[in-house]
Protein backbone atom coordinates (compact mmCIF):
# COMPACT_ATOMS: atom_id res chain seq x y z
CA UNK A 1 116.48 -79.42 127.53
CA UNK A 2 117.54 -76.00 128.76
CA UNK A 3 115.29 -73.00 128.05
CA UNK A 4 116.63 -70.46 125.55
CA UNK A 5 116.75 -66.96 126.97
CA UNK A 6 115.22 -65.38 123.86
CA UNK A 7 112.06 -67.39 124.46
CA UNK A 8 111.49 -65.42 127.68
CA UNK A 9 110.99 -62.19 125.74
CA UNK A 10 107.66 -60.99 124.32
CA UNK A 11 107.38 -61.44 120.56
CA UNK A 12 103.95 -60.46 119.21
CA UNK A 13 104.46 -62.70 116.19
CA UNK A 14 104.63 -65.78 118.39
CA UNK A 15 102.88 -64.51 121.54
CA UNK A 16 101.20 -67.43 123.28
CA UNK A 17 100.51 -66.71 126.97
CA UNK A 18 99.83 -69.75 129.14
CA UNK A 19 97.21 -68.30 131.47
CA UNK A 20 93.56 -69.32 131.77
CA UNK A 21 91.32 -68.82 128.74
CA UNK A 22 89.93 -65.36 129.58
CA UNK A 23 93.29 -63.93 130.63
CA UNK A 24 94.88 -65.29 127.47
CA UNK A 25 92.04 -63.85 125.37
CA UNK A 26 92.51 -60.35 126.80
CA UNK A 27 96.30 -60.41 126.50
CA UNK A 28 96.08 -61.65 122.91
CA UNK A 29 93.41 -59.06 122.09
CA UNK A 30 95.75 -56.38 123.43
CA UNK A 31 98.50 -57.47 121.05
CA UNK A 32 96.01 -57.48 118.16
CA UNK A 33 94.79 -53.98 119.10
CA UNK A 34 98.26 -52.47 118.89
CA UNK A 35 99.47 -54.47 115.91
CA UNK A 36 96.34 -53.62 113.89
CA UNK A 37 96.81 -49.99 114.87
CA UNK A 38 100.39 -50.14 113.65
CA UNK A 39 103.72 -48.45 114.27
CA UNK A 40 102.94 -45.33 112.22
CA UNK A 41 99.88 -44.48 114.30
CA UNK A 42 101.72 -45.30 117.53
CA UNK A 43 104.69 -43.01 116.87
CA UNK A 44 102.59 -40.24 115.27
CA UNK A 45 100.30 -40.12 118.31
CA UNK A 46 103.33 -40.14 120.61
CA UNK A 47 104.95 -37.15 118.96
CA UNK A 48 101.62 -35.32 118.54
CA UNK A 49 100.90 -35.88 122.25
CA UNK A 50 97.48 -37.22 121.27
CA UNK A 51 95.15 -38.39 124.03
CA UNK A 52 94.56 -42.14 123.73
CA UNK A 53 90.77 -42.32 123.53
CA UNK A 54 90.89 -45.38 121.30
CA UNK A 55 92.97 -47.28 123.84
CA UNK A 56 90.58 -46.47 126.67
CA UNK A 57 87.67 -47.50 124.42
CA UNK A 58 89.45 -50.81 123.88
CA UNK A 59 89.95 -51.14 127.66
CA UNK A 60 86.23 -50.59 128.23
CA UNK A 61 85.14 -52.94 125.44
CA UNK A 62 87.35 -55.82 126.60
CA UNK A 63 86.85 -55.05 130.32
CA UNK A 64 90.62 -55.17 130.59
CA UNK A 65 91.07 -53.10 133.75
CA UNK A 66 87.91 -54.49 135.32
CA UNK A 67 88.95 -58.12 134.83
CA UNK A 68 92.58 -57.73 135.86
CA UNK A 69 92.19 -55.20 138.68
CA UNK A 70 89.06 -56.20 140.59
CA UNK A 71 89.77 -58.44 143.60
CA UNK A 72 87.60 -61.53 143.92
CA UNK A 73 85.74 -60.19 146.97
CA UNK A 74 84.51 -57.21 144.90
CA UNK A 75 83.82 -59.16 141.71
CA UNK A 76 80.13 -59.80 142.43
CA UNK A 77 80.63 -63.46 141.63
CA UNK A 78 82.37 -62.96 138.28
CA UNK A 79 84.86 -65.88 138.16
CA UNK A 80 87.17 -64.08 135.73
CA UNK A 81 87.85 -61.12 138.02
CA UNK A 82 90.66 -61.34 140.55
CA UNK A 83 93.84 -59.49 141.52
CA UNK A 84 96.35 -61.95 140.13
CA UNK A 85 99.88 -60.55 140.32
CA UNK A 86 101.21 -62.88 137.62
CA UNK A 87 98.78 -61.62 135.01
CA UNK A 88 99.00 -58.02 136.26
CA UNK A 89 102.76 -58.24 135.65
CA UNK A 90 102.20 -59.81 132.23
CA UNK A 91 99.91 -56.94 131.22
CA UNK A 92 102.37 -54.38 132.61
CA UNK A 93 105.12 -55.89 130.47
CA UNK A 94 102.90 -56.08 127.39
CA UNK A 95 101.69 -52.48 127.66
CA UNK A 96 105.27 -51.37 128.29
CA UNK A 97 106.22 -53.13 125.04
CA UNK A 98 104.06 -50.58 123.19
CA UNK A 99 105.17 -47.60 125.28
CA UNK A 100 104.59 -45.87 128.59
CA UNK A 101 101.72 -43.91 127.04
CA UNK A 102 99.63 -47.08 127.38
CA UNK A 103 101.33 -48.55 130.43
CA UNK A 104 100.82 -45.34 132.41
CA UNK A 105 96.99 -45.17 132.57
CA UNK A 106 97.03 -48.83 133.62
CA UNK A 107 99.68 -48.14 136.27
CA UNK A 108 98.00 -45.14 137.87
CA UNK A 109 94.64 -46.93 137.85
CA UNK A 110 96.34 -49.68 139.84
CA UNK A 111 97.61 -47.09 142.33
CA UNK A 112 94.31 -45.28 142.59
CA UNK A 113 92.50 -48.50 143.42
CA UNK A 114 94.95 -49.50 146.17
CA UNK A 115 93.41 -47.45 149.01
CA UNK A 116 89.92 -48.49 147.90
CA UNK A 117 90.55 -52.23 147.87
CA UNK A 118 92.25 -51.96 151.28
CA UNK A 119 89.25 -50.17 152.77
CA UNK A 120 86.48 -51.68 154.88
CA UNK A 121 84.07 -49.28 153.18
CA UNK A 122 82.00 -51.79 151.18
CA UNK A 123 79.98 -49.10 149.43
CA UNK A 124 83.13 -47.37 148.18
CA UNK A 125 84.55 -50.67 146.95
CA UNK A 126 81.30 -51.44 145.10
CA UNK A 127 81.37 -47.97 143.56
CA UNK A 128 84.94 -48.46 142.30
CA UNK A 129 84.15 -51.94 140.95
CA UNK A 130 81.14 -50.60 139.04
CA UNK A 131 83.22 -47.76 137.62
CA UNK A 132 85.87 -50.19 136.41
CA UNK A 133 83.25 -52.44 134.88
CA UNK A 134 81.92 -49.47 132.93
CA UNK A 135 85.40 -48.80 131.54
CA UNK A 136 86.51 -46.18 134.04
CA UNK A 137 90.02 -45.48 135.25
CA UNK A 138 91.38 -44.43 138.65
CA UNK A 139 93.87 -41.90 140.04
CA UNK A 140 96.07 -41.80 143.15
CA UNK A 141 95.73 -38.36 144.76
CA UNK A 142 98.74 -38.41 147.06
CA UNK A 143 101.50 -36.05 145.91
CA UNK A 144 101.38 -32.25 146.07
CA UNK A 145 103.28 -29.53 144.31
CA UNK A 146 105.02 -28.15 147.39
CA UNK A 147 105.56 -31.40 149.27
CA UNK A 148 105.83 -34.17 146.69
CA UNK A 149 104.85 -37.44 148.34
CA UNK A 150 105.67 -36.16 151.86
CA UNK A 151 102.38 -37.23 153.34
CA UNK A 152 103.20 -35.68 156.73
CA UNK A 153 102.86 -32.24 155.16
CA UNK A 154 99.65 -32.49 153.14
CA UNK A 155 97.77 -29.26 152.42
CA UNK A 156 94.58 -31.06 151.42
CA UNK A 157 92.38 -30.00 154.34
CA UNK A 158 88.98 -31.41 155.29
CA UNK A 159 86.95 -28.90 157.31
CA UNK A 160 84.32 -30.48 159.60
CA UNK A 161 80.73 -29.32 159.10
CA UNK A 162 77.92 -29.20 161.73
CA UNK A 163 76.14 -32.17 160.16
CA UNK A 164 79.20 -34.44 160.52
CA UNK A 165 80.35 -34.14 156.91
CA UNK A 166 83.46 -32.35 155.60
CA UNK A 167 84.39 -29.86 152.90
CA UNK A 168 87.76 -30.66 151.30
CA UNK A 169 89.95 -27.91 149.88
CA UNK A 170 93.46 -28.22 148.50
CA UNK A 171 95.55 -29.16 145.51
CA UNK A 172 97.20 -32.30 144.21
CA UNK A 173 100.02 -32.44 141.69
CA UNK A 174 101.42 -35.06 139.36
CA UNK A 175 98.26 -37.17 139.43
CA UNK A 176 97.95 -39.47 136.43
CA UNK A 177 94.47 -39.95 134.94
CA UNK A 178 93.31 -36.96 136.98
CA UNK A 179 91.47 -35.58 133.97
CA UNK A 180 89.04 -38.48 133.55
CA UNK A 181 89.18 -40.71 136.65
CA UNK A 182 85.86 -41.55 138.24
CA UNK A 183 87.75 -43.08 141.17
CA UNK A 184 90.25 -40.70 142.77
CA UNK A 185 91.77 -41.79 146.09
CA UNK A 186 92.73 -38.54 147.83
CA UNK A 187 94.99 -38.22 150.87
CA UNK A 188 94.38 -35.30 153.24
CA UNK A 189 94.05 -34.18 156.86
CA UNK A 190 91.16 -33.09 159.06
CA UNK A 191 91.37 -29.52 160.28
CA UNK A 192 91.60 -29.14 164.04
CA UNK A 193 92.82 -32.70 164.70
CA UNK A 194 96.38 -33.34 165.89
CA UNK A 195 98.73 -36.27 165.45
CA UNK A 196 98.14 -39.35 163.37
CA UNK A 197 94.37 -39.15 163.80
CA UNK A 198 94.20 -36.15 161.46
CA UNK A 199 95.07 -38.12 158.32
CA UNK A 200 92.46 -39.52 155.98
CA UNK A 201 91.99 -41.11 152.57
CA UNK A 202 88.73 -40.30 150.82
CA UNK A 203 87.01 -41.07 147.54
CA UNK A 204 86.55 -38.31 144.94
CA UNK A 205 85.32 -38.12 141.34
CA UNK A 206 86.92 -35.93 138.66
CA UNK A 207 83.45 -35.21 137.19
CA UNK A 208 82.22 -33.49 140.38
CA UNK A 209 81.72 -29.69 140.00
CA UNK A 210 83.92 -29.02 143.05
CA UNK A 211 86.81 -30.86 141.36
CA UNK A 212 88.81 -28.39 139.28
CA UNK A 213 91.31 -29.59 136.69
CA UNK A 214 94.17 -27.09 136.52
CA UNK A 215 96.58 -28.45 133.91
CA UNK A 216 98.55 -31.32 132.47
CA UNK A 217 102.00 -30.81 134.00
CA UNK A 218 103.91 -32.85 131.38
CA UNK A 219 104.29 -32.33 127.60
CA UNK A 220 103.32 -35.80 126.40
CA UNK A 221 100.40 -38.11 125.65
CA UNK A 222 99.68 -38.93 129.27
CA UNK A 223 97.58 -36.58 131.36
CA UNK A 224 99.56 -36.07 134.55
CA UNK A 225 97.28 -33.63 136.24
CA UNK A 226 97.27 -30.84 138.71
CA UNK A 227 93.83 -30.55 140.26
CA UNK A 228 92.20 -28.61 143.07
CA UNK A 229 89.25 -29.38 145.28
CA UNK A 230 87.28 -26.34 146.41
CA UNK A 231 84.76 -27.14 149.17
CA UNK A 232 84.41 -30.66 147.82
CA UNK A 233 81.72 -32.40 149.94
CA UNK A 234 82.98 -35.52 151.72
CA UNK A 235 80.58 -37.75 153.64
CA UNK A 236 81.22 -40.80 155.76
CA UNK A 237 80.38 -42.89 152.70
CA UNK A 238 83.44 -41.38 150.98
CA UNK A 239 85.93 -42.05 153.79
CA UNK A 240 88.32 -44.90 152.95
CA UNK A 241 90.81 -44.74 155.85
CA UNK A 242 91.59 -42.68 158.94
CA UNK A 243 94.71 -42.18 161.05
CA UNK A 244 97.40 -44.87 160.96
CA UNK A 245 95.34 -46.85 158.48
CA UNK A 246 95.56 -43.98 156.00
CA UNK A 247 99.36 -43.98 156.29
CA UNK A 248 99.55 -47.74 155.87
CA UNK A 249 97.18 -47.61 152.90
CA UNK A 250 99.47 -45.13 151.14
CA UNK A 251 102.62 -47.19 151.66
CA UNK A 252 100.98 -50.54 150.98
CA UNK A 253 99.54 -49.16 147.75
CA UNK A 254 103.06 -48.26 146.69
CA UNK A 255 104.14 -51.85 147.39
CA UNK A 256 101.39 -53.23 145.18
CA UNK A 257 101.28 -50.68 142.39
CA UNK A 258 104.85 -49.65 141.89
CA UNK A 259 105.94 -53.26 141.56
CA UNK A 260 104.70 -52.82 137.97
CA UNK A 261 107.50 -50.42 137.06
CA UNK A 262 110.03 -53.13 136.44
CA UNK A 263 107.73 -54.97 134.07
CA UNK A 264 107.05 -51.82 132.09
CA UNK A 265 110.82 -51.43 131.67
CA UNK A 266 111.17 -55.04 130.49
CA UNK A 267 108.54 -54.47 127.81
CA UNK A 268 110.08 -51.21 126.62
CA UNK A 269 113.56 -52.68 126.35
CA UNK A 270 112.35 -55.81 124.56
CA UNK A 271 110.77 -53.75 121.78
CA UNK A 272 113.82 -51.50 121.72
CA UNK A 273 116.11 -54.51 121.35
CA UNK A 274 114.18 -55.90 118.37
CA UNK A 275 114.35 -52.59 116.51
CA UNK A 276 117.99 -52.00 117.38
CA UNK A 277 119.34 -55.39 116.30
CA UNK A 278 117.27 -55.29 113.11
CA UNK A 279 118.61 -51.84 112.21
CA UNK A 280 122.23 -52.59 113.06
CA UNK A 281 122.37 -56.00 111.40
CA UNK A 282 120.90 -54.75 108.14
CA UNK A 283 122.98 -51.56 107.98
CA UNK A 284 126.26 -51.73 106.07
CA UNK A 285 129.33 -49.63 106.88
CA UNK A 286 132.67 -50.02 105.15
CA UNK A 287 131.32 -52.99 103.24
CA UNK A 288 130.25 -54.95 106.32
CA UNK A 289 127.16 -55.18 108.55
CA UNK A 290 127.43 -52.92 111.57
CA UNK A 291 127.13 -56.04 113.71
CA UNK A 292 130.48 -57.29 112.39
CA UNK A 293 132.21 -54.75 114.65
CA UNK A 294 133.49 -56.17 117.93
CA UNK A 295 132.30 -53.29 120.12
CA UNK A 296 128.81 -53.49 118.62
CA UNK A 297 128.58 -57.18 119.40
CA UNK A 298 129.84 -56.55 122.93
CA UNK A 299 127.17 -53.89 123.45
CA UNK A 300 124.39 -56.13 122.17
CA UNK A 301 125.44 -59.13 124.28
CA UNK A 302 125.65 -56.97 127.40
CA UNK A 303 122.23 -55.39 126.69
CA UNK A 304 120.69 -58.79 126.01
CA UNK A 305 122.13 -60.27 129.21
CA UNK A 306 120.88 -57.29 131.23
CA UNK A 307 117.40 -57.56 129.72
CA UNK A 308 117.15 -61.29 130.39
CA UNK A 309 118.32 -60.67 133.96
CA UNK A 310 115.55 -58.07 134.40
CA UNK A 311 113.01 -60.63 133.23
CA UNK A 312 114.37 -63.39 135.48
CA UNK A 313 114.41 -61.27 138.61
CA UNK A 314 110.96 -59.83 137.94
CA UNK A 315 109.42 -63.24 137.42
CA UNK A 316 110.97 -64.57 140.62
CA UNK A 317 109.82 -61.52 142.60
CA UNK A 318 106.25 -62.34 141.54
CA UNK A 319 106.52 -65.63 143.44
CA UNK A 320 107.54 -63.89 146.67
CA UNK A 321 104.72 -61.40 146.19
CA UNK A 322 102.11 -64.11 145.74
CA UNK A 323 103.22 -66.25 148.68
CA UNK A 324 103.36 -63.31 151.10
CA UNK A 325 101.60 -63.49 154.44
CA UNK A 326 101.83 -61.85 157.86
CA UNK A 327 104.47 -64.48 158.68
CA UNK A 328 106.43 -64.16 155.42
CA UNK A 329 107.14 -60.59 154.35
CA UNK A 330 110.26 -61.25 152.30
CA UNK A 331 108.49 -59.59 149.38
CA UNK A 332 109.11 -56.21 151.03
CA UNK A 333 112.77 -56.46 149.96
CA UNK A 334 112.00 -57.64 146.43
CA UNK A 335 109.53 -54.78 145.81
CA UNK A 336 112.11 -51.95 146.05
CA UNK A 337 114.64 -54.12 144.21
CA UNK A 338 112.19 -54.50 141.34
CA UNK A 339 111.31 -50.80 141.39
CA UNK A 340 114.90 -49.63 141.59
CA UNK A 341 117.19 -52.24 140.09
CA UNK A 342 115.06 -53.49 137.20
CA UNK A 343 114.12 -49.98 136.08
CA UNK A 344 117.71 -48.73 136.45
CA UNK A 345 118.92 -51.66 134.36
CA UNK A 346 116.29 -50.82 131.74
CA UNK A 347 117.74 -47.35 131.38
CA UNK A 348 121.23 -48.81 130.99
CA UNK A 349 119.99 -51.16 128.26
CA UNK A 350 118.40 -48.39 126.22
CA UNK A 351 121.38 -46.04 126.66
CA UNK A 352 123.62 -48.78 125.31
CA UNK A 353 121.27 -49.61 122.44
CA UNK A 354 120.99 -45.89 121.72
CA UNK A 355 124.78 -45.69 121.49
CA UNK A 356 124.74 -48.55 118.98
CA UNK A 357 122.04 -47.19 116.66
CA UNK A 358 123.30 -43.62 117.04
CA UNK A 359 121.33 -41.14 114.87
CA UNK A 360 118.58 -43.68 114.21
CA UNK A 361 117.58 -43.34 117.83
CA UNK A 362 116.55 -39.71 117.28
CA UNK A 363 114.30 -40.22 114.28
CA UNK A 364 110.54 -39.78 114.59
CA UNK A 365 109.42 -42.95 112.80
CA UNK A 366 110.73 -45.67 115.12
CA UNK A 367 110.16 -47.09 118.58
CA UNK A 368 113.78 -46.76 119.70
CA UNK A 369 113.31 -43.01 120.14
CA UNK A 370 110.29 -43.64 122.38
CA UNK A 371 111.99 -46.37 124.42
CA UNK A 372 115.12 -44.26 124.96
CA UNK A 373 113.07 -41.51 126.60
CA UNK A 374 110.51 -43.64 128.39
CA UNK A 375 113.11 -45.79 130.15
CA UNK A 376 114.62 -42.66 131.72
CA UNK A 377 111.27 -41.96 133.39
CA UNK A 378 110.77 -45.18 135.30
CA UNK A 379 113.64 -44.97 137.85
CA UNK A 380 112.65 -41.40 138.68
CA UNK A 381 108.90 -40.94 138.56
CA UNK A 382 107.71 -43.48 141.12
CA UNK A 383 110.26 -43.07 143.90
CA UNK A 384 113.90 -42.31 143.17
CA UNK A 385 116.73 -44.82 143.19
CA UNK A 386 117.93 -43.26 146.46
CA UNK A 387 114.60 -43.85 148.21
CA UNK A 388 114.44 -47.48 147.15
CA UNK A 389 118.08 -48.15 148.02
CA UNK A 390 117.46 -46.62 151.43
CA UNK A 391 114.56 -49.00 151.94
CA UNK A 392 116.66 -51.98 150.86
CA UNK A 393 119.34 -51.05 153.40
CA UNK A 394 116.83 -51.62 156.21
CA UNK A 395 116.84 -55.31 155.32
CA UNK A 396 120.60 -55.72 154.81
CA UNK A 397 121.62 -57.01 158.27
CA UNK A 398 118.85 -59.62 158.38
CA UNK A 399 119.41 -60.68 154.77
CA UNK A 400 123.17 -61.14 155.03
CA UNK A 401 123.65 -62.31 158.61
CA UNK A 402 120.41 -63.48 160.23
CA UNK A 403 119.08 -66.03 157.76
CA UNK A 404 116.57 -68.56 159.05
CA UNK A 405 114.86 -71.56 157.55
CA UNK A 406 111.92 -70.25 155.53
CA UNK A 407 109.21 -71.90 153.43
CA UNK A 408 110.40 -72.72 149.94
CA UNK A 409 108.75 -70.41 147.42
CA UNK A 410 107.42 -72.22 144.35
CA UNK A 411 106.67 -70.81 140.91
CA UNK A 412 103.34 -68.99 141.21
CA UNK A 413 101.91 -68.49 137.72
CA UNK A 414 98.54 -70.18 138.23
CA UNK A 415 95.21 -68.37 138.76
CA UNK A 416 94.94 -67.05 142.31
CA UNK A 417 93.41 -63.99 143.94
CA UNK A 418 96.25 -62.29 145.83
CA UNK A 419 94.03 -60.99 148.60
CA UNK A 420 96.86 -60.52 151.11
CA UNK A 421 98.09 -57.51 149.15
CA UNK A 422 95.03 -55.58 150.34
CA UNK A 423 95.37 -56.59 153.95
CA UNK A 424 99.09 -56.06 154.50
CA UNK A 425 98.35 -54.17 157.69
CA UNK A 426 100.76 -51.79 159.47
CA UNK A 427 104.02 -51.05 157.71
CA UNK A 428 106.14 -51.28 160.85
CA UNK A 429 108.55 -54.03 161.86
CA UNK A 430 110.76 -54.23 158.79
CA UNK A 431 113.74 -55.12 160.95
CA UNK A 432 111.95 -58.29 162.06
CA UNK A 433 111.62 -59.71 158.53
CA UNK A 434 113.81 -62.78 158.09
CA UNK A 435 115.18 -64.36 154.93
CA UNK A 436 116.41 -67.75 153.83
CA UNK A 437 120.14 -68.20 153.28
CA UNK A 438 121.10 -66.23 150.17
CA UNK A 439 124.17 -68.44 149.71
CA UNK A 440 122.01 -71.43 148.74
CA UNK A 441 121.19 -70.10 145.28
CA UNK A 442 124.81 -69.15 144.67
CA UNK A 443 126.15 -72.52 145.82
CA UNK A 444 123.82 -74.35 143.45
CA UNK A 445 125.29 -72.43 140.50
CA UNK A 446 128.93 -72.46 141.61
CA UNK A 447 129.91 -74.47 138.53
CA UNK A 448 129.17 -71.44 136.33
CA UNK A 449 132.47 -69.50 136.20
CA UNK A 450 131.23 -65.94 136.66
CA UNK A 451 128.77 -66.98 139.37
CA UNK A 452 131.78 -68.30 141.29
CA UNK A 453 133.64 -65.01 140.87
CA UNK A 454 130.62 -62.97 141.96
CA UNK A 455 130.06 -65.23 144.97
CA UNK A 456 133.61 -64.49 146.08
CA UNK A 457 132.87 -60.77 145.84
CA UNK A 458 129.64 -61.18 147.81
CA UNK A 459 131.49 -62.99 150.60
CA UNK A 460 134.05 -60.19 150.67
CA UNK A 461 131.18 -57.72 151.13
CA UNK A 462 130.06 -59.53 154.29
CA UNK A 463 133.64 -59.27 155.59
CA UNK A 464 133.61 -55.52 154.96
CA UNK A 465 130.52 -55.16 157.13
CA UNK A 466 132.12 -57.20 159.91
CA UNK A 467 135.58 -55.61 159.86
CA UNK A 468 135.15 -52.06 158.50
CA UNK A 469 131.45 -51.33 158.77
CA UNK A 470 130.17 -47.76 158.40
CA UNK A 471 130.89 -45.81 161.59
CA UNK A 472 128.35 -43.62 163.34
CA UNK A 473 129.05 -40.61 161.13
CA UNK A 474 128.89 -42.67 157.94
CA UNK A 475 125.55 -44.11 159.01
CA UNK A 476 124.22 -40.55 158.81
CA UNK A 477 125.92 -39.94 155.45
CA UNK A 478 123.34 -40.95 152.84
CA UNK A 479 125.83 -40.49 150.00
CA UNK A 480 128.12 -43.12 151.51
CA UNK A 481 125.25 -45.44 152.45
CA UNK A 482 123.90 -45.37 148.91
CA UNK A 483 127.27 -46.61 147.66
CA UNK A 484 127.01 -49.51 150.13
CA UNK A 485 123.40 -50.10 149.13
CA UNK A 486 124.26 -50.23 145.45
CA UNK A 487 126.68 -53.10 146.09
CA UNK A 488 124.22 -54.89 148.37
CA UNK A 489 121.47 -54.64 145.75
CA UNK A 490 123.62 -56.67 143.35
CA UNK A 491 123.67 -59.61 145.77
CA UNK A 492 119.88 -59.58 146.15
CA UNK A 493 119.46 -59.18 142.40
CA UNK A 494 121.80 -62.08 141.68
CA UNK A 495 119.99 -64.35 144.12
CA UNK A 496 116.63 -63.79 142.44
CA UNK A 497 118.14 -64.30 139.00
CA UNK A 498 119.74 -67.60 140.01
CA UNK A 499 116.59 -68.92 141.65
CA UNK A 500 114.49 -68.22 138.57
CA UNK A 501 117.14 -69.54 136.18
CA UNK A 502 117.20 -72.81 138.12
CA UNK A 503 113.41 -73.07 138.19
CA UNK A 504 113.11 -72.80 134.41
CA UNK A 505 116.42 -74.56 133.57
CA UNK A 506 117.81 -71.56 131.71
CA UNK A 507 120.77 -72.17 129.42
CA UNK A 508 123.99 -71.68 131.46
CA UNK A 509 125.71 -69.57 128.78
CA UNK A 510 123.33 -66.68 129.42
CA UNK A 511 123.58 -67.07 133.20
CA UNK A 512 127.36 -66.82 132.85
CA UNK A 513 126.99 -63.70 130.67
CA UNK A 514 124.64 -62.14 133.25
CA UNK A 515 127.11 -62.70 136.06
CA UNK A 516 129.88 -61.38 133.85
CA UNK A 517 128.26 -57.94 133.91
CA UNK A 518 127.36 -58.31 137.62
CA UNK A 519 131.04 -58.90 138.42
CA UNK A 520 131.90 -55.71 136.54
CA UNK A 521 129.10 -53.78 138.22
CA UNK A 522 130.26 -54.97 141.65
CA UNK A 523 133.80 -53.84 140.85
CA UNK A 524 132.51 -50.48 139.67
CA UNK A 525 130.58 -50.15 142.94
CA UNK A 526 133.78 -50.83 144.87
CA UNK A 527 135.64 -48.09 142.99
CA UNK A 528 132.77 -45.68 143.66
CA UNK A 529 132.83 -46.46 147.39
CA UNK A 530 136.62 -46.08 147.42
CA UNK A 531 136.27 -42.55 146.09
CA UNK A 532 133.64 -41.35 148.57
CA UNK A 533 134.76 -38.44 150.71
CA UNK A 534 134.07 -40.24 153.98
CA UNK A 535 135.54 -43.66 153.14
CA UNK A 536 138.19 -44.78 155.63
CA UNK A 537 141.62 -46.24 154.73
CA UNK A 538 140.35 -49.68 155.77
CA UNK A 539 137.29 -49.36 153.53
CA UNK A 540 139.39 -48.10 150.65
CA UNK A 541 141.74 -51.05 150.96
CA UNK A 542 138.78 -53.42 151.01
CA UNK A 543 137.26 -51.77 147.94
CA UNK A 544 140.36 -52.32 145.84
CA UNK A 545 140.76 -55.89 147.12
CA UNK A 546 137.24 -56.78 145.96
CA UNK A 547 137.67 -55.67 142.34
CA UNK A 548 137.53 -58.65 139.99
CA UNK A 549 137.62 -59.29 136.26
CA UNK A 550 134.94 -61.58 134.83
CA UNK A 551 135.98 -64.91 133.38
CA UNK A 552 136.41 -64.45 129.64
CA UNK A 553 135.06 -67.23 127.41
CA UNK A 554 135.01 -66.40 123.71
CA UNK A 555 133.11 -69.54 122.77
CA UNK A 556 130.38 -68.70 125.26
CA UNK A 557 130.27 -65.11 124.02
CA UNK A 558 129.87 -66.30 120.43
CA UNK A 559 127.01 -68.59 121.38
CA UNK A 560 125.14 -65.80 123.17
CA UNK A 561 125.82 -63.45 120.27
CA UNK A 562 124.26 -66.06 117.99
CA UNK A 563 121.07 -65.80 120.03
CA UNK A 564 121.07 -62.04 119.83
CA UNK A 565 121.62 -61.81 116.08
CA UNK A 566 118.90 -64.40 115.52
CA UNK A 567 116.47 -61.70 116.70
CA UNK A 568 117.34 -59.40 113.76
CA UNK A 569 114.32 -60.60 111.76
CA UNK A 570 112.26 -62.03 114.62
CA UNK A 571 109.85 -59.11 114.95
CA UNK A 572 108.93 -55.80 113.43
CA UNK A 573 105.75 -54.01 114.42
CA UNK A 574 103.07 -53.86 111.74
CA UNK A 575 103.53 -50.58 109.86
């Protein structure tokens, strides 16, 4: 029997995770914590910008961060501790369900630990593990006010001392948890050293007297800090990485930590959907429920399809993450797709739901208002859409034209310590990564009408690249390349969605609805490319030739709408 799409979405009333006993206990306890706390406290704290001491007390009591974020090699024999991407993603989605105010300290702790767990400094790893076990959080001291995340230009300078130690001086900006983190991974450079050898990651503690907290740079619950180090003493015991290893540690940490963004968006949108459909279905205008209006139903079905697609792609990306190895680095494409595409889709979902609920989405007593704002943050805070699309473009030739037989990737939800994530090694050689044939997933679903239409568009895209590819000037024109990348991302996104849908035997009606919006998005991408200043006549002709209308099926639409409206009374957060 096919799986119903609505069963993929978190519902605290029926939440029953299928992990091992301790993982399930912590996830369930997290639901109970927020539900017992209630919606009124959640929204009041959000608008009052109240620091979440009670949440961090809960984290310490349940050893949430310690259990989920300590790799097995640093667990001191505790069998419950491991870095298990499946349960990390589940917690990211669950915390996102209750808002970024609770997802964010989890997320930046994940980032702050990345350079530590990749380090060969056993003492530093033990120090971080002990801090986590005591309920501590971590921070990722990479970005700076003047340079952002441009790590080539860091102004955090370590001055060598006669005894072989260093004194670190400089500022960091936009550092989450920087007010309370006992583990702060700080990126800097050694004064007087040239080239790659100058760069270093070192371990700092926000409680040290040479660590000066300047301000919270954002007006919300989270503490996104600016801090300065003034002659902060750094010994060899504090050094995590030097030279090329420091660069790789920064980028590999982003691969591991920022994968969580998509799951935060899924959680936010799921809660937003429940509140929106409940409000609209029980509100009467002109003698009828708001949901009787055709455009309202269309908006809900599109939002639902987009949300389910986010969930499908994210779950499939987990599998590629967990099967990664030095010989299989396909995950490096699915990471930016998750960061960029899933979060961007989350914003679209909440904009559309906000349009439906209208004024309700501005009131202070509901979650919709929170979700509308929070979903705008995710595509922008942890690497912009442009950066992630640019990274995806590096894989485009190999993905589309150089497919090779690759190991089949199974569903990876079982308990496993994903140790490879902390030994990814150098970040070079992206052009050598090879992929399996993307057409396989599409061919297996060719019987679904809108999959067939989208497959035709995807094939046309390969023809564009063979017959009217970007010329030398266009390859330097990032505006034009981003238009190409946006279309390419849809093909990768669709492949992951189809693979996961097949693995779980998802109902075909929802798959057809998903590819209905992907056909429209592909067509929109073609029109955008057509209008670019540098597009050639040949490219413009191709763009118009690739525009398609989705297959319309009213009976299918009505069935999917039936699923959506069934959620109207499925969940409401405890008051």
